[in-house]
Amino acid sequence: MTKTILIATDYSLESLKVLKKVLQEKEASEDQNRYNILLVSGYDMGDSIRDLLFTTKNSIFNKIRSQEFCDAYGIIKNKYPHLINRIVCDIFTGSFQRTFNNYVKAEQIEEAYYSSSIRSKGKGKFDIIPYIRKCNAFEAHEIIIDIPERLPERGRLAEIFVEV
């Protein structure tokens, strides 16, 4: 059976620790389901007509997502092929709870995972955790991630392999 889960992210390597921990828990419980995973961040498109007409998801991802992030989630996908059907990066551009609820319904999301220690920061990004907490359409789970203050691998692909 295939289920869809949402993971709140800011497209940093630290946020992939949530994905990694979720998959480790699913594997430990010998879960037989396969998952469509949506890595979602909030993004404010602004109100410029030019930006709204000519901005594409690819151009937004080129701004907010690093190549290391793509490589790291590819490695995670290859490590858990029996659990992952597909991984999709997406953005939520709405500003109302009703819009988020419609997004959840359209994507048929059954579970959501987030970490309060990972906040979307940067130009145009906003945090979708308040929307996740208020949504009643799925089970929301908070994942506790310890992010050490000093980590030599921070910002590099090796960060995904560090066990703290």
Protein backbone atom coordinates (compact mmCIF):
# COMPACT_ATOMS: atom_id res chain seq x y z
CA MET A 1 0.00 0.00 0.00
CA THR A 2 1.25 3.48 -0.83
CA LYS A 3 0.85 6.37 1.60
CA THR A 4 1.77 10.02 1.25
CA ILE A 5 3.64 11.84 3.97
CA LEU A 6 4.62 15.49 4.25
CA ILE A 7 7.88 16.57 5.82
CA ALA A 8 8.32 20.24 6.65
CA THR A 9 11.72 21.43 5.47
CA ASP A 10 13.74 24.54 4.87
CA TYR A 11 15.87 22.76 2.24
CA SER A 12 18.92 22.62 4.48
CA LEU A 13 20.90 19.45 5.11
CA GLU A 14 19.83 19.63 8.77
CA SER A 15 16.19 19.27 7.75
CA LEU A 16 16.95 15.95 6.04
CA LYS A 17 17.63 14.52 9.48
CA VAL A 18 13.84 14.51 9.96
CA LEU A 19 13.41 12.41 6.80
CA LYS A 20 16.21 10.09 7.86
CA LYS A 21 14.76 9.61 11.35
CA VAL A 22 11.25 8.94 10.00
CA LEU A 23 12.57 6.29 7.61
CA GLN A 24 14.69 4.69 10.34
CA GLU A 25 11.59 4.41 12.54
CA LYS A 26 9.52 2.96 9.69
CA GLU A 27 12.25 0.41 8.96
CA ALA A 28 12.62 -0.53 12.64
CA SER A 29 8.87 -1.17 12.90
CA GLU A 30 9.09 -3.35 9.77
CA ASP A 31 6.54 -1.20 7.97
CA GLN A 32 5.38 -2.86 4.73
CA ASN A 33 4.02 0.36 3.19
CA ARG A 34 5.73 2.38 0.49
CA TYR A 35 5.73 6.14 0.79
CA ASN A 36 5.37 9.12 -1.49
CA ILE A 37 7.30 11.77 0.42
CA LEU A 38 6.63 15.47 -0.04
CA LEU A 39 9.42 17.74 1.23
CA VAL A 40 7.55 21.03 1.61
CA SER A 41 8.62 24.54 2.53
CA GLY A 42 6.58 27.71 2.66
CA TYR A 43 7.47 30.33 0.08
CA ASP A 44 6.04 33.83 -0.23
CA MET A 45 5.70 34.66 -3.91
CA GLY A 46 5.21 38.35 -3.19
CA ASP A 47 2.67 40.51 -4.93
CA SER A 48 4.56 41.71 -7.97
CA ILE A 49 2.67 40.90 -11.15
CA ARG A 50 5.95 40.23 -12.97
CA ASP A 51 7.08 37.75 -10.31
CA LEU A 52 3.73 36.00 -10.20
CA LEU A 53 3.62 35.61 -13.98
CA PHE A 54 7.18 34.64 -14.73
CA THR A 55 8.44 32.78 -11.67
CA THR A 56 8.47 28.99 -11.95
CA LYS A 57 9.01 26.32 -9.32
CA ASN A 58 12.38 25.52 -10.87
CA SER A 59 13.57 29.10 -10.51
CA ILE A 60 12.41 29.13 -6.88
CA PHE A 61 14.17 25.83 -6.17
CA ASN A 62 17.36 27.20 -7.75
CA LYS A 63 17.24 29.98 -5.13
CA ILE A 64 16.33 27.98 -2.01
CA ARG A 65 17.69 24.45 -2.56
CA SER A 66 21.37 23.56 -2.75
CA GLN A 67 22.91 20.81 -4.86
CA GLU A 68 24.15 19.16 -1.63
CA PHE A 69 20.53 18.88 -0.48
CA CYS A 70 19.53 17.11 -3.71
CA ASP A 71 22.51 14.76 -3.48
CA ALA A 72 21.75 13.97 0.17
CA TYR A 73 18.09 13.11 -0.36
CA GLY A 74 19.16 10.98 -3.33
CA ILE A 75 21.47 9.04 -1.02
CA ILE A 76 18.68 8.60 1.52
CA LYS A 77 16.33 7.45 -1.24
CA ASN A 78 18.87 4.84 -2.36
CA LYS A 79 19.31 3.62 1.23
CA TYR A 80 15.59 2.94 1.75
CA PRO A 81 14.29 1.79 -1.68
CA HIS A 82 11.87 -0.65 -0.04
CA LEU A 83 10.13 2.23 1.81
CA ILE A 84 10.26 5.07 -0.71
CA ASN A 85 8.09 5.12 -3.80
CA ARG A 86 9.12 8.69 -4.69
CA ILE A 87 10.39 11.91 -3.12
CA VAL A 88 9.07 15.22 -4.37
CA CYS A 89 10.24 18.70 -3.38
CA ASP A 90 7.43 21.23 -3.27
CA ILE A 91 6.57 24.67 -1.99
CA PHE A 92 3.41 25.91 -0.30
CA THR A 93 2.62 29.44 -1.42
CA GLY A 94 -0.67 30.06 0.36
CA SER A 95 -1.26 32.24 3.37
CA PHE A 96 -4.44 30.79 4.86
CA GLN A 97 -5.19 27.60 6.79
CA ARG A 98 -7.99 26.77 4.37
CA THR A 99 -5.51 26.90 1.47
CA PHE A 100 -3.17 24.53 3.32
CA ASN A 101 -6.07 22.16 4.07
CA ASN A 102 -6.95 22.11 0.35
CA TYR A 103 -3.30 21.39 -0.49
CA VAL A 104 -3.33 18.45 1.95
CA LYS A 105 -6.55 17.12 0.47
CA ALA A 106 -5.30 17.47 -3.12
CA GLU A 107 -2.04 15.65 -2.35
CA GLN A 108 -3.84 13.00 -0.21
CA ILE A 109 -1.41 13.45 2.69
CA GLU A 110 -1.95 10.95 5.52
CA GLU A 111 0.93 11.83 7.88
CA ALA A 112 3.12 14.88 8.50
CA TYR A 113 6.44 15.25 10.30
CA TYR A 114 8.23 18.38 11.43
CA SER A 115 10.91 19.53 13.83
CA SER A 116 10.57 22.74 15.83
CA SER A 117 14.36 23.14 15.82
CA ILE A 118 14.32 23.62 12.05
CA ARG A 119 12.77 26.92 11.04
CA SER A 120 12.48 28.22 7.51
CA LYS A 121 14.71 31.21 7.21
CA GLY A 122 15.87 33.21 4.28
CA LYS A 123 14.40 35.47 1.65
CA GLY A 124 10.87 34.47 0.76
CA LYS A 125 10.65 31.40 3.01
CA PHE A 126 8.12 31.01 5.80
CA ASP A 127 7.42 28.34 8.36
CA ILE A 128 4.56 25.89 7.63
CA ILE A 129 4.64 24.24 11.07
CA PRO A 130 1.68 26.33 12.39
CA TYR A 131 -0.39 25.14 9.41
CA ILE A 132 0.58 21.52 10.08
CA ARG A 133 -0.36 21.76 13.77
CA LYS A 134 -3.80 23.22 12.98
CA CYS A 135 -4.68 20.75 10.22
CA ASN A 136 -6.97 17.90 11.28
CA ALA A 137 -6.77 15.91 8.04
CA PHE A 138 -3.72 13.85 9.05
CA GLU A 139 -1.57 12.71 11.96
CA ALA A 140 1.12 15.28 12.75
CA HIS A 141 4.27 14.14 14.53
CA GLU A 142 7.03 16.29 15.95
CA ILE A 143 10.50 14.82 15.54
CA ILE A 144 13.12 15.93 18.05
CA ILE A 145 16.43 16.61 16.33
CA ASP A 146 19.57 17.50 18.25
CA ILE A 147 21.57 19.99 16.24
CA PRO A 148 25.02 20.43 17.77
CA GLU A 149 26.33 23.98 17.97
CA ARG A 150 29.69 23.04 16.49
CA LEU A 151 29.72 20.50 13.68
CA PRO A 152 32.69 20.35 11.26
CA GLU A 153 30.50 18.81 8.53
CA ARG A 154 27.81 21.53 8.71
CA GLY A 155 26.62 22.50 5.26
CA ARG A 156 28.42 19.65 3.51
CA LEU A 157 27.09 16.35 2.24
CA ALA A 158 28.88 14.46 5.04
CA GLU A 159 26.46 16.08 7.53
CA ILE A 160 23.75 13.60 6.56
CA PHE A 161 25.90 10.69 7.77
CA VAL A 162 26.75 12.16 11.18
CA GLU A 163 25.12 10.29 14.05
CA VAL A 164 24.93 12.49 17.15
